[in-house]
Amino acid sequence: SLDVSGNYNSWTFFPDGMSLRHVLVQPEF
């Protein structure tokens, strides 16, 4: 099988400015 996964996080948490922003792509055979 072929698995293709994608993640997208655009959040910045206020008021402390904590950031987890990213784009991730992970294909797997």
mmCIF file of all heavy atoms, coordinates in Angstrom:
data_MODEL
# 
_entry.id   MODEL 
# 
loop_
_atom_site.group_PDB 
_atom_site.id 
_atom_site.type_symbol 
_atom_site.label_atom_id 
_atom_site.label_alt_id 
_atom_site.label_comp_id 
_atom_site.label_asym_id 
_atom_site.label_entity_id 
_atom_site.label_seq_id 
_atom_site.pdbx_PDB_ins_code 
_atom_site.Cartn_x 
_atom_site.Cartn_y 
_atom_site.Cartn_z 
_atom_site.occupancy 
_atom_site.B_iso_or_equiv 
_atom_site.pdbx_formal_charge 
_atom_site.auth_seq_id 
_atom_site.auth_comp_id 
_atom_site.auth_asym_id 
_atom_site.auth_atom_id 
_atom_site.pdbx_PDB_model_num 
ATOM 1   N N   . SER A 1 1  ? 0.844  -1.193 0.000  1.00 0.00 ? 1  SER A N   1 
ATOM 2   C CA  . SER A 1 1  ? 0.000  0.000  0.000  1.00 0.00 ? 1  SER A CA  1 
ATOM 3   C C   . SER A 1 1  ? 0.882  1.247  0.000  1.00 0.00 ? 1  SER A C   1 
ATOM 4   O O   . SER A 1 1  ? 2.079  1.183  0.309  1.00 0.00 ? 1  SER A O   1 
ATOM 5   C CB  . SER A 1 1  ? -0.940 0.013  1.208  1.00 0.00 ? 1  SER A CB  1 
ATOM 6   O OG  . SER A 1 1  ? -0.225 0.150  2.407  1.00 0.00 ? 1  SER A OG  1 
ATOM 7   N N   . LEU A 1 2  ? 0.267  2.372  -0.352 1.00 0.00 ? 2  LEU A N   1 
ATOM 8   C CA  . LEU A 1 2  ? 0.930  3.671  -0.336 1.00 0.00 ? 2  LEU A CA  1 
ATOM 9   C C   . LEU A 1 2  ? 0.122  4.591  0.552  1.00 0.00 ? 2  LEU A C   1 
ATOM 10  O O   . LEU A 1 2  ? -1.078 4.779  0.337  1.00 0.00 ? 2  LEU A O   1 
ATOM 11  C CB  . LEU A 1 2  ? 1.024  4.254  -1.753 1.00 0.00 ? 2  LEU A CB  1 
ATOM 12  C CG  . LEU A 1 2  ? 1.619  5.658  -1.846 1.00 0.00 ? 2  LEU A CG  1 
ATOM 13  C CD1 . LEU A 1 2  ? 3.089  5.645  -1.414 1.00 0.00 ? 2  LEU A CD1 1 
ATOM 14  C CD2 . LEU A 1 2  ? 1.468  6.198  -3.257 1.00 0.00 ? 2  LEU A CD2 1 
ATOM 15  N N   . ASP A 1 3  ? 0.781  5.139  1.555  1.00 0.00 ? 3  ASP A N   1 
ATOM 16  C CA  . ASP A 1 3  ? 0.162  6.066  2.494  1.00 0.00 ? 3  ASP A CA  1 
ATOM 17  C C   . ASP A 1 3  ? 0.783  7.444  2.281  1.00 0.00 ? 3  ASP A C   1 
ATOM 18  O O   . ASP A 1 3  ? 2.008  7.565  2.231  1.00 0.00 ? 3  ASP A O   1 
ATOM 19  C CB  . ASP A 1 3  ? 0.427  5.589  3.926  1.00 0.00 ? 3  ASP A CB  1 
ATOM 20  C CG  . ASP A 1 3  ? -0.087 6.558  4.962  1.00 0.00 ? 3  ASP A CG  1 
ATOM 21  O OD1 . ASP A 1 3  ? -1.306 6.795  4.997  1.00 0.00 ? 3  ASP A OD1 1 
ATOM 22  O OD2 . ASP A 1 3  ? 0.728  7.087  5.746  1.00 0.00 ? 3  ASP A OD2 1 
ATOM 23  N N   . VAL A 1 4  ? -0.037 8.463  2.135  1.00 0.00 ? 4  VAL A N   1 
ATOM 24  C CA  . VAL A 1 4  ? 0.451  9.841  2.027  1.00 0.00 ? 4  VAL A CA  1 
ATOM 25  C C   . VAL A 1 4  ? -0.292 10.659 3.083  1.00 0.00 ? 4  VAL A C   1 
ATOM 26  O O   . VAL A 1 4  ? -1.517 10.761 3.040  1.00 0.00 ? 4  VAL A O   1 
ATOM 27  C CB  . VAL A 1 4  ? 0.210  10.439 0.622  1.00 0.00 ? 4  VAL A CB  1 
ATOM 28  C CG1 . VAL A 1 4  ? 0.721  11.868 0.573  1.00 0.00 ? 4  VAL A CG1 1 
ATOM 29  C CG2 . VAL A 1 4  ? 0.877  9.589  -0.445 1.00 0.00 ? 4  VAL A CG2 1 
ATOM 30  N N   . SER A 1 5  ? 0.481  11.224 4.015  1.00 0.00 ? 5  SER A N   1 
ATOM 31  C CA  . SER A 1 5  ? -0.099 12.014 5.096  1.00 0.00 ? 5  SER A CA  1 
ATOM 32  C C   . SER A 1 5  ? 0.437  13.433 5.040  1.00 0.00 ? 5  SER A C   1 
ATOM 33  O O   . SER A 1 5  ? 1.588  13.656 4.678  1.00 0.00 ? 5  SER A O   1 
ATOM 34  C CB  . SER A 1 5  ? 0.258  11.403 6.458  1.00 0.00 ? 5  SER A CB  1 
ATOM 35  O OG  . SER A 1 5  ? -0.267 10.104 6.565  1.00 0.00 ? 5  SER A OG  1 
ATOM 36  N N   . GLY A 1 6  ? -0.417 14.368 5.430  1.00 0.00 ? 6  GLY A N   1 
ATOM 37  C CA  . GLY A 1 6  ? -0.019 15.766 5.466  1.00 0.00 ? 6  GLY A CA  1 
ATOM 38  C C   . GLY A 1 6  ? -0.545 16.445 6.710  1.00 0.00 ? 6  GLY A C   1 
ATOM 39  O O   . GLY A 1 6  ? -1.644 16.141 7.174  1.00 0.00 ? 6  GLY A O   1 
ATOM 40  N N   . ASN A 1 7  ? 0.251  17.359 7.259  1.00 0.00 ? 7  ASN A N   1 
ATOM 41  C CA  . ASN A 1 7  ? -0.112 18.123 8.451  1.00 0.00 ? 7  ASN A CA  1 
ATOM 42  C C   . ASN A 1 7  ? 0.070  19.603 8.164  1.00 0.00 ? 7  ASN A C   1 
ATOM 43  O O   . ASN A 1 7  ? 0.996  19.982 7.449  1.00 0.00 ? 7  ASN A O   1 
ATOM 44  C CB  . ASN A 1 7  ? 0.803  17.785 9.626  1.00 0.00 ? 7  ASN A CB  1 
ATOM 45  C CG  . ASN A 1 7  ? 0.823  16.325 9.955  1.00 0.00 ? 7  ASN A CG  1 
ATOM 46  O OD1 . ASN A 1 7  ? 0.067  15.539 9.413  1.00 0.00 ? 7  ASN A OD1 1 
ATOM 47  N ND2 . ASN A 1 7  ? 1.706  15.938 10.846 1.00 0.00 ? 7  ASN A ND2 1 
ATOM 48  N N   . TYR A 1 8  ? -0.784 20.408 8.758  1.00 0.00 ? 8  TYR A N   1 
ATOM 49  C CA  . TYR A 1 8  ? -0.649 21.854 8.625  1.00 0.00 ? 8  TYR A CA  1 
ATOM 50  C C   . TYR A 1 8  ? -1.087 22.506 9.928  1.00 0.00 ? 8  TYR A C   1 
ATOM 51  O O   . TYR A 1 8  ? -2.205 22.296 10.384 1.00 0.00 ? 8  TYR A O   1 
ATOM 52  C CB  . TYR A 1 8  ? -1.503 22.373 7.462  1.00 0.00 ? 8  TYR A CB  1 
ATOM 53  C CG  . TYR A 1 8  ? -1.453 23.867 7.308  1.00 0.00 ? 8  TYR A CG  1 
ATOM 54  C CD1 . TYR A 1 8  ? -0.291 24.486 6.866  1.00 0.00 ? 8  TYR A CD1 1 
ATOM 55  C CD2 . TYR A 1 8  ? -2.547 24.656 7.610  1.00 0.00 ? 8  TYR A CD2 1 
ATOM 56  C CE1 . TYR A 1 8  ? -0.228 25.863 6.722  1.00 0.00 ? 8  TYR A CE1 1 
ATOM 57  C CE2 . TYR A 1 8  ? -2.497 26.032 7.465  1.00 0.00 ? 8  TYR A CE2 1 
ATOM 58  C CZ  . TYR A 1 8  ? -1.334 26.624 7.021  1.00 0.00 ? 8  TYR A CZ  1 
ATOM 59  O OH  . TYR A 1 8  ? -1.270 27.987 6.881  1.00 0.00 ? 8  TYR A OH  1 
ATOM 60  N N   . ASN A 1 9  ? -0.190 23.254 10.532 1.00 0.00 ? 9  ASN A N   1 
ATOM 61  C CA  . ASN A 1 9  ? -0.506 23.951 11.767 1.00 0.00 ? 9  ASN A CA  1 
ATOM 62  C C   . ASN A 1 9  ? -0.071 25.400 11.605 1.00 0.00 ? 9  ASN A C   1 
ATOM 63  O O   . ASN A 1 9  ? 1.102  25.679 11.376 1.00 0.00 ? 9  ASN A O   1 
ATOM 64  C CB  . ASN A 1 9  ? 0.233  23.311 12.947 1.00 0.00 ? 9  ASN A CB  1 
ATOM 65  C CG  . ASN A 1 9  ? -0.240 23.841 14.272 1.00 0.00 ? 9  ASN A CG  1 
ATOM 66  O OD1 . ASN A 1 9  ? -0.631 24.984 14.403 1.00 0.00 ? 9  ASN A OD1 1 
ATOM 67  N ND2 . ASN A 1 9  ? -0.208 22.989 15.278 1.00 0.00 ? 9  ASN A ND2 1 
ATOM 68  N N   . SER A 1 10 ? -1.002 26.315 11.705 1.00 0.00 ? 10 SER A N   1 
ATOM 69  C CA  . SER A 1 10 ? -0.682 27.741 11.544 1.00 0.00 ? 10 SER A CA  1 
ATOM 70  C C   . SER A 1 10 ? -0.901 28.524 12.835 1.00 0.00 ? 10 SER A C   1 
ATOM 71  O O   . SER A 1 10 ? -0.966 29.751 12.813 1.00 0.00 ? 10 SER A O   1 
ATOM 72  C CB  . SER A 1 10 ? -1.552 28.340 10.434 1.00 0.00 ? 10 SER A CB  1 
ATOM 73  O OG  . SER A 1 10 ? -2.917 28.263 10.801 1.00 0.00 ? 10 SER A OG  1 
ATOM 74  N N   . TRP A 1 11 ? -0.976 27.822 13.970 1.00 0.00 ? 11 TRP A N   1 
ATOM 75  C CA  . TRP A 1 11 ? -1.346 28.490 15.210 1.00 0.00 ? 11 TRP A CA  1 
ATOM 76  C C   . TRP A 1 11 ? -0.160 29.176 15.872 1.00 0.00 ? 11 TRP A C   1 
ATOM 77  O O   . TRP A 1 11 ? 0.925  28.637 15.959 1.00 0.00 ? 11 TRP A O   1 
ATOM 78  C CB  . TRP A 1 11 ? -1.929 27.513 16.228 1.00 0.00 ? 11 TRP A CB  1 
ATOM 79  C CG  . TRP A 1 11 ? -2.910 26.528 15.716 1.00 0.00 ? 11 TRP A CG  1 
ATOM 80  C CD1 . TRP A 1 11 ? -2.902 25.188 15.956 1.00 0.00 ? 11 TRP A CD1 1 
ATOM 81  C CD2 . TRP A 1 11 ? -4.059 26.761 14.892 1.00 0.00 ? 11 TRP A CD2 1 
ATOM 82  N NE1 . TRP A 1 11 ? -3.959 24.591 15.332 1.00 0.00 ? 11 TRP A NE1 1 
ATOM 83  C CE2 . TRP A 1 11 ? -4.685 25.530 14.660 1.00 0.00 ? 11 TRP A CE2 1 
ATOM 84  C CE3 . TRP A 1 11 ? -4.607 27.896 14.311 1.00 0.00 ? 11 TRP A CE3 1 
ATOM 85  C CZ2 . TRP A 1 11 ? -5.830 25.396 13.904 1.00 0.00 ? 11 TRP A CZ2 1 
ATOM 86  C CZ3 . TRP A 1 11 ? -5.747 27.762 13.531 1.00 0.00 ? 11 TRP A CZ3 1 
ATOM 87  C CH2 . TRP A 1 11 ? -6.349 26.533 13.351 1.00 0.00 ? 11 TRP A CH2 1 
ATOM 88  N N   . THR A 1 12 ? -0.422 30.358 16.394 1.00 0.00 ? 12 THR A N   1 
ATOM 89  C CA  . THR A 1 12 ? 0.437  31.040 17.355 1.00 0.00 ? 12 THR A CA  1 
ATOM 90  C C   . THR A 1 12 ? -0.447 31.307 18.563 1.00 0.00 ? 12 THR A C   1 
ATOM 91  O O   . THR A 1 12 ? -1.509 31.908 18.427 1.00 0.00 ? 12 THR A O   1 
ATOM 92  C CB  . THR A 1 12 ? 0.989  32.366 16.800 1.00 0.00 ? 12 THR A CB  1 
ATOM 93  O OG1 . THR A 1 12 ? 1.782  32.086 15.652 1.00 0.00 ? 12 THR A OG1 1 
ATOM 94  C CG2 . THR A 1 12 ? 1.846  33.067 17.838 1.00 0.00 ? 12 THR A CG2 1 
ATOM 95  N N   . PHE A 1 13 ? -0.033 30.821 19.706 1.00 0.00 ? 13 PHE A N   1 
ATOM 96  C CA  . PHE A 1 13 ? -0.850 30.930 20.911 1.00 0.00 ? 13 PHE A CA  1 
ATOM 97  C C   . PHE A 1 13 ? -0.482 32.203 21.663 1.00 0.00 ? 13 PHE A C   1 
ATOM 98  O O   . PHE A 1 13 ? 0.671  32.425 22.000 1.00 0.00 ? 13 PHE A O   1 
ATOM 99  C CB  . PHE A 1 13 ? -0.649 29.698 21.798 1.00 0.00 ? 13 PHE A CB  1 
ATOM 100 C CG  . PHE A 1 13 ? -1.049 28.431 21.112 1.00 0.00 ? 13 PHE A CG  1 
ATOM 101 C CD1 . PHE A 1 13 ? -0.111 27.679 20.419 1.00 0.00 ? 13 PHE A CD1 1 
ATOM 102 C CD2 . PHE A 1 13 ? -2.362 28.001 21.124 1.00 0.00 ? 13 PHE A CD2 1 
ATOM 103 C CE1 . PHE A 1 13 ? -0.473 26.512 19.779 1.00 0.00 ? 13 PHE A CE1 1 
ATOM 104 C CE2 . PHE A 1 13 ? -2.738 26.835 20.481 1.00 0.00 ? 13 PHE A CE2 1 
ATOM 105 C CZ  . PHE A 1 13 ? -1.787 26.093 19.802 1.00 0.00 ? 13 PHE A CZ  1 
ATOM 106 N N   . PHE A 1 14 ? -1.474 33.040 21.908 1.00 0.00 ? 14 PHE A N   1 
ATOM 107 C CA  . PHE A 1 14 ? -1.263 34.297 22.605 1.00 0.00 ? 14 PHE A CA  1 
ATOM 108 C C   . PHE A 1 14 ? -1.687 34.133 24.050 1.00 0.00 ? 14 PHE A C   1 
ATOM 109 O O   . PHE A 1 14 ? -2.520 33.295 24.356 1.00 0.00 ? 14 PHE A O   1 
ATOM 110 C CB  . PHE A 1 14 ? -2.075 35.418 21.928 1.00 0.00 ? 14 PHE A CB  1 
ATOM 111 C CG  . PHE A 1 14 ? -1.582 35.704 20.545 1.00 0.00 ? 14 PHE A CG  1 
ATOM 112 C CD1 . PHE A 1 14 ? -2.293 35.258 19.454 1.00 0.00 ? 14 PHE A CD1 1 
ATOM 113 C CD2 . PHE A 1 14 ? -0.393 36.392 20.339 1.00 0.00 ? 14 PHE A CD2 1 
ATOM 114 C CE1 . PHE A 1 14 ? -1.844 35.506 18.172 1.00 0.00 ? 14 PHE A CE1 1 
ATOM 115 C CE2 . PHE A 1 14 ? 0.051  36.647 19.070 1.00 0.00 ? 14 PHE A CE2 1 
ATOM 116 C CZ  . PHE A 1 14 ? -0.668 36.199 17.970 1.00 0.00 ? 14 PHE A CZ  1 
ATOM 117 N N   . PRO A 1 15 ? -1.208 34.870 25.001 1.00 0.00 ? 15 PRO A N   1 
ATOM 118 C CA  . PRO A 1 15 ? -0.353 36.045 24.883 1.00 0.00 ? 15 PRO A CA  1 
ATOM 119 C C   . PRO A 1 15 ? 1.139  35.709 24.887 1.00 0.00 ? 15 PRO A C   1 
ATOM 120 O O   . PRO A 1 15 ? 1.965  36.581 24.666 1.00 0.00 ? 15 PRO A O   1 
ATOM 121 C CB  . PRO A 1 15 ? -0.713 36.859 26.114 1.00 0.00 ? 15 PRO A CB  1 
ATOM 122 C CG  . PRO A 1 15 ? -1.056 35.838 27.143 1.00 0.00 ? 15 PRO A CG  1 
ATOM 123 C CD  . PRO A 1 15 ? -1.693 34.704 26.382 1.00 0.00 ? 15 PRO A CD  1 
ATOM 124 N N   . ASP A 1 16 ? 1.519  34.444 25.159 1.00 0.00 ? 16 ASP A N   1 
ATOM 125 C CA  . ASP A 1 16 ? 2.947  34.133 25.298 1.00 0.00 ? 16 ASP A CA  1 
ATOM 126 C C   . ASP A 1 16 ? 3.680  33.955 23.972 1.00 0.00 ? 16 ASP A C   1 
ATOM 127 O O   . ASP A 1 16 ? 4.898  33.831 23.949 1.00 0.00 ? 16 ASP A O   1 
ATOM 128 C CB  . ASP A 1 16 ? 3.144  32.905 26.183 1.00 0.00 ? 16 ASP A CB  1 
ATOM 129 C CG  . ASP A 1 16 ? 2.397  31.685 25.662 1.00 0.00 ? 16 ASP A CG  1 
ATOM 130 O OD1 . ASP A 1 16 ? 1.796  31.761 24.578 1.00 0.00 ? 16 ASP A OD1 1 
ATOM 131 O OD2 . ASP A 1 16 ? 2.422  30.655 26.345 1.00 0.00 ? 16 ASP A OD2 1 
ATOM 132 N N   . GLY A 1 17 ? 2.981  33.937 22.843 1.00 0.00 ? 17 GLY A N   1 
ATOM 133 C CA  . GLY A 1 17 ? 3.630  33.837 21.537 1.00 0.00 ? 17 GLY A CA  1 
ATOM 134 C C   . GLY A 1 17 ? 4.118  32.447 21.170 1.00 0.00 ? 17 GLY A C   1 
ATOM 135 O O   . GLY A 1 17 ? 4.905  32.288 20.247 1.00 0.00 ? 17 GLY A O   1 
ATOM 136 N N   . MET A 1 18 ? 3.679  31.429 21.902 1.00 0.00 ? 18 MET A N   1 
ATOM 137 C CA  . MET A 1 18 ? 4.088  30.064 21.607 1.00 0.00 ? 18 MET A CA  1 
ATOM 138 C C   . MET A 1 18 ? 3.667  29.697 20.178 1.00 0.00 ? 18 MET A C   1 
ATOM 139 O O   . MET A 1 18 ? 2.532  29.930 19.782 1.00 0.00 ? 18 MET A O   1 
ATOM 140 C CB  . MET A 1 18 ? 3.448  29.093 22.602 1.00 0.00 ? 18 MET A CB  1 
ATOM 141 C CG  . MET A 1 18 ? 3.877  27.662 22.405 1.00 0.00 ? 18 MET A CG  1 
ATOM 142 S SD  . MET A 1 18 ? 3.338  26.551 23.713 1.00 0.00 ? 18 MET A SD  1 
ATOM 143 C CE  . MET A 1 18 ? 1.600  26.461 23.411 1.00 0.00 ? 18 MET A CE  1 
ATOM 144 N N   . SER A 1 19 ? 4.590  29.144 19.409 1.00 0.00 ? 19 SER A N   1 
ATOM 145 C CA  . SER A 1 19 ? 4.335  28.856 17.999 1.00 0.00 ? 19 SER A CA  1 
ATOM 146 C C   . SER A 1 19 ? 4.632  27.397 17.683 1.00 0.00 ? 19 SER A C   1 
ATOM 147 O O   . SER A 1 19 ? 5.686  26.883 18.047 1.00 0.00 ? 19 SER A O   1 
ATOM 148 C CB  . SER A 1 19 ? 5.209  29.760 17.133 1.00 0.00 ? 19 SER A CB  1 
ATOM 149 O OG  . SER A 1 19 ? 5.119  29.388 15.792 1.00 0.00 ? 19 SER A OG  1 
ATOM 150 N N   . LEU A 1 20 ? 3.703  26.745 16.995 1.00 0.00 ? 20 LEU A N   1 
ATOM 151 C CA  . LEU A 1 20 ? 3.875  25.377 16.511 1.00 0.00 ? 20 LEU A CA  1 
ATOM 152 C C   . LEU A 1 20 ? 3.644  25.320 15.005 1.00 0.00 ? 20 LEU A C   1 
ATOM 153 O O   . LEU A 1 20 ? 3.243  24.293 14.471 1.00 0.00 ? 20 LEU A O   1 
ATOM 154 C CB  . LEU A 1 20 ? 2.876  24.435 17.197 1.00 0.00 ? 20 LEU A CB  1 
ATOM 155 C CG  . LEU A 1 20 ? 3.037  24.241 18.687 1.00 0.00 ? 20 LEU A CG  1 
ATOM 156 C CD1 . LEU A 1 20 ? 1.850  23.486 19.253 1.00 0.00 ? 20 LEU A CD1 1 
ATOM 157 C CD2 . LEU A 1 20 ? 4.327  23.521 18.994 1.00 0.00 ? 20 LEU A CD2 1 
ATOM 158 N N   . ARG A 1 21 ? 3.873  26.416 14.313 1.00 0.00 ? 21 ARG A N   1 
ATOM 159 C CA  . ARG A 1 21 ? 3.536  26.500 12.894 1.00 0.00 ? 21 ARG A CA  1 
ATOM 160 C C   . ARG A 1 21 ? 4.434  25.595 12.060 1.00 0.00 ? 21 ARG A C   1 
ATOM 161 O O   . ARG A 1 21 ? 5.658  25.627 12.186 1.00 0.00 ? 21 ARG A O   1 
ATOM 162 C CB  . ARG A 1 21 ? 3.645  27.944 12.418 1.00 0.00 ? 21 ARG A CB  1 
ATOM 163 C CG  . ARG A 1 21 ? 2.610  28.826 13.079 1.00 0.00 ? 21 ARG A CG  1 
ATOM 164 C CD  . ARG A 1 21 ? 2.639  30.211 12.542 1.00 0.00 ? 21 ARG A CD  1 
ATOM 165 N NE  . ARG A 1 21 ? 3.956  30.799 12.749 1.00 0.00 ? 21 ARG A NE  1 
ATOM 166 C CZ  . ARG A 1 21 ? 4.155  32.043 13.107 1.00 0.00 ? 21 ARG A CZ  1 
ATOM 167 N NH1 . ARG A 1 21 ? 3.147  32.847 13.275 1.00 0.00 ? 21 ARG A NH1 1 
ATOM 168 N NH2 . ARG A 1 21 ? 5.369  32.512 13.277 1.00 0.00 ? 21 ARG A NH2 1 
ATOM 169 N N   . HIS A 1 22 ? 3.787  24.809 11.183 1.00 0.00 ? 22 HIS A N   1 
ATOM 170 C CA  . HIS A 1 22 ? 4.547  23.946 10.287 1.00 0.00 ? 22 HIS A CA  1 
ATOM 171 C C   . HIS A 1 22 ? 3.650  23.343 9.207  1.00 0.00 ? 22 HIS A C   1 
ATOM 172 O O   . HIS A 1 22 ? 2.428  23.318 9.336  1.00 0.00 ? 22 HIS A O   1 
ATOM 173 C CB  . HIS A 1 22 ? 5.252  22.823 11.055 1.00 0.00 ? 22 HIS A CB  1 
ATOM 174 C CG  . HIS A 1 22 ? 4.311  21.835 11.668 1.00 0.00 ? 22 HIS A CG  1 
ATOM 175 N ND1 . HIS A 1 22 ? 3.700  22.048 12.876 1.00 0.00 ? 22 HIS A ND1 1 
ATOM 176 C CD2 . HIS A 1 22 ? 3.877  20.635 11.238 1.00 0.00 ? 22 HIS A CD2 1 
ATOM 177 C CE1 . HIS A 1 22 ? 2.925  21.013 13.157 1.00 0.00 ? 22 HIS A CE1 1 
ATOM 178 N NE2 . HIS A 1 22 ? 3.010  20.134 12.178 1.00 0.00 ? 22 HIS A NE2 1 
ATOM 179 N N   . VAL A 1 23 ? 4.299  22.873 8.167  1.00 0.00 ? 23 VAL A N   1 
ATOM 180 C CA  . VAL A 1 23 ? 3.675  22.069 7.119  1.00 0.00 ? 23 VAL A CA  1 
ATOM 181 C C   . VAL A 1 23 ? 4.534  20.818 7.019  1.00 0.00 ? 23 VAL A C   1 
ATOM 182 O O   . VAL A 1 23 ? 5.764  20.915 6.952  1.00 0.00 ? 23 VAL A O   1 
ATOM 183 C CB  . VAL A 1 23 ? 3.673  22.796 5.756  1.00 0.00 ? 23 VAL A CB  1 
ATOM 184 C CG1 . VAL A 1 23 ? 3.175  21.890 4.657  1.00 0.00 ? 23 VAL A CG1 1 
ATOM 185 C CG2 . VAL A 1 23 ? 2.850  24.057 5.825  1.00 0.00 ? 23 VAL A CG2 1 
ATOM 186 N N   . LEU A 1 24 ? 3.918  19.639 7.037  1.00 0.00 ? 24 LEU A N   1 
ATOM 187 C CA  . LEU A 1 24 ? 4.651  18.372 6.996  1.00 0.00 ? 24 LEU A CA  1 
ATOM 188 C C   . LEU A 1 24 ? 3.980  17.431 6.012  1.00 0.00 ? 24 LEU A C   1 
ATOM 189 O O   . LEU A 1 24 ? 2.758  17.289 6.022  1.00 0.00 ? 24 LEU A O   1 
ATOM 190 C CB  . LEU A 1 24 ? 4.667  17.727 8.383  1.00 0.00 ? 24 LEU A CB  1 
ATOM 191 C CG  . LEU A 1 24 ? 5.172  16.287 8.492  1.00 0.00 ? 24 LEU A CG  1 
ATOM 192 C CD1 . LEU A 1 24 ? 6.662  16.203 8.168  1.00 0.00 ? 24 LEU A CD1 1 
ATOM 193 C CD2 . LEU A 1 24 ? 4.904  15.739 9.882  1.00 0.00 ? 24 LEU A CD2 1 
ATOM 194 N N   . VAL A 1 25 ? 4.781  16.790 5.169  1.00 0.00 ? 25 VAL A N   1 
ATOM 195 C CA  . VAL A 1 25 ? 4.291  15.769 4.242  1.00 0.00 ? 25 VAL A CA  1 
ATOM 196 C C   . VAL A 1 25 ? 5.115  14.511 4.478  1.00 0.00 ? 25 VAL A C   1 
ATOM 197 O O   . VAL A 1 25 ? 6.350  14.579 4.522  1.00 0.00 ? 25 VAL A O   1 
ATOM 198 C CB  . VAL A 1 25 ? 4.425  16.222 2.766  1.00 0.00 ? 25 VAL A CB  1 
ATOM 199 C CG1 . VAL A 1 25 ? 3.956  15.136 1.829  1.00 0.00 ? 25 VAL A CG1 1 
ATOM 200 C CG2 . VAL A 1 25 ? 3.665  17.508 2.540  1.00 0.00 ? 25 VAL A CG2 1 
ATOM 201 N N   . GLN A 1 26 ? 4.428  13.347 4.641  1.00 0.00 ? 26 GLN A N   1 
ATOM 202 C CA  . GLN A 1 26 ? 5.114  12.084 4.883  1.00 0.00 ? 26 GLN A CA  1 
ATOM 203 C C   . GLN A 1 26 ? 4.499  10.975 4.037  1.00 0.00 ? 26 GLN A C   1 
ATOM 204 O O   . GLN A 1 26 ? 3.524  10.347 4.431  1.00 0.00 ? 26 GLN A O   1 
ATOM 205 C CB  . GLN A 1 26 ? 5.021  11.696 6.362  1.00 0.00 ? 26 GLN A CB  1 
ATOM 206 C CG  . GLN A 1 26 ? 6.269  11.941 7.110  1.00 0.00 ? 26 GLN A CG  1 
ATOM 207 C CD  . GLN A 1 26 ? 6.245  11.417 8.531  1.00 0.00 ? 26 GLN A CD  1 
ATOM 208 O OE1 . GLN A 1 26 ? 5.206  11.248 9.154  1.00 0.00 ? 26 GLN A OE1 1 
ATOM 209 N NE2 . GLN A 1 26 ? 7.421  11.166 9.053  1.00 0.00 ? 26 GLN A NE2 1 
ATOM 210 N N   . PRO A 1 27 ? 5.081  10.692 2.867  1.00 0.00 ? 27 PRO A N   1 
ATOM 211 C CA  . PRO A 1 27 ? 4.628  9.522  2.103  1.00 0.00 ? 27 PRO A CA  1 
ATOM 212 C C   . PRO A 1 27 ? 5.308  8.259  2.638  1.00 0.00 ? 27 PRO A C   1 
ATOM 213 O O   . PRO A 1 27 ? 6.443  8.319  3.136  1.00 0.00 ? 27 PRO A O   1 
ATOM 214 C CB  . PRO A 1 27 ? 5.090  9.841  0.680  1.00 0.00 ? 27 PRO A CB  1 
ATOM 215 C CG  . PRO A 1 27 ? 6.264  10.746 0.861  1.00 0.00 ? 27 PRO A CG  1 
ATOM 216 C CD  . PRO A 1 27 ? 6.028  11.504 2.130  1.00 0.00 ? 27 PRO A CD  1 
ATOM 217 N N   . GLU A 1 28 ? 4.602  7.128  2.538  1.00 0.00 ? 28 GLU A N   1 
ATOM 218 C CA  . GLU A 1 28 ? 5.163  5.863  3.022  1.00 0.00 ? 28 GLU A CA  1 
ATOM 219 C C   . GLU A 1 28 ? 4.696  4.706  2.144  1.00 0.00 ? 28 GLU A C   1 
ATOM 220 O O   . GLU A 1 28 ? 3.510  4.581  1.855  1.00 0.00 ? 28 GLU A O   1 
ATOM 221 C CB  . GLU A 1 28 ? 4.745  5.615  4.467  1.00 0.00 ? 28 GLU A CB  1 
ATOM 222 C CG  . GLU A 1 28 ? 5.304  4.334  5.041  1.00 0.00 ? 28 GLU A CG  1 
ATOM 223 C CD  . GLU A 1 28 ? 5.002  4.172  6.512  1.00 0.00 ? 28 GLU A CD  1 
ATOM 224 O OE1 . GLU A 1 28 ? 3.837  4.443  6.909  1.00 0.00 ? 28 GLU A OE1 1 
ATOM 225 O OE2 . GLU A 1 28 ? 5.893  3.781  7.260  1.00 0.00 ? 28 GLU A OE2 1 
ATOM 226 N N   . PHE A 1 29 ? 5.637  3.878  1.735  1.00 0.00 ? 29 PHE A N   1 
ATOM 227 C CA  . PHE A 1 29 ? 5.344  2.643  1.005  1.00 0.00 ? 29 PHE A CA  1 
ATOM 228 C C   . PHE A 1 29 ? 5.348  1.519  2.028  1.00 0.00 ? 29 PHE A C   1 
ATOM 229 O O   . PHE A 1 29 ? 6.306  1.373  2.792  1.00 0.00 ? 29 PHE A O   1 
ATOM 230 C CB  . PHE A 1 29 ? 6.408  2.405  -0.072 1.00 0.00 ? 29 PHE A CB  1 
ATOM 231 C CG  . PHE A 1 29 ? 6.170  1.168  -0.874 1.00 0.00 ? 29 PHE A CG  1 
ATOM 232 C CD1 . PHE A 1 29 ? 5.160  1.122  -1.822 1.00 0.00 ? 29 PHE A CD1 1 
ATOM 233 C CD2 . PHE A 1 29 ? 6.962  0.047  -0.688 1.00 0.00 ? 29 PHE A CD2 1 
ATOM 234 C CE1 . PHE A 1 29 ? 4.938  -0.021 -2.559 1.00 0.00 ? 29 PHE A CE1 1 
ATOM 235 C CE2 . PHE A 1 29 ? 6.752  -1.094 -1.424 1.00 0.00 ? 29 PHE A CE2 1 
ATOM 236 C CZ  . PHE A 1 29 ? 5.732  -1.125 -2.368 1.00 0.00 ? 29 PHE A CZ  1 
# 
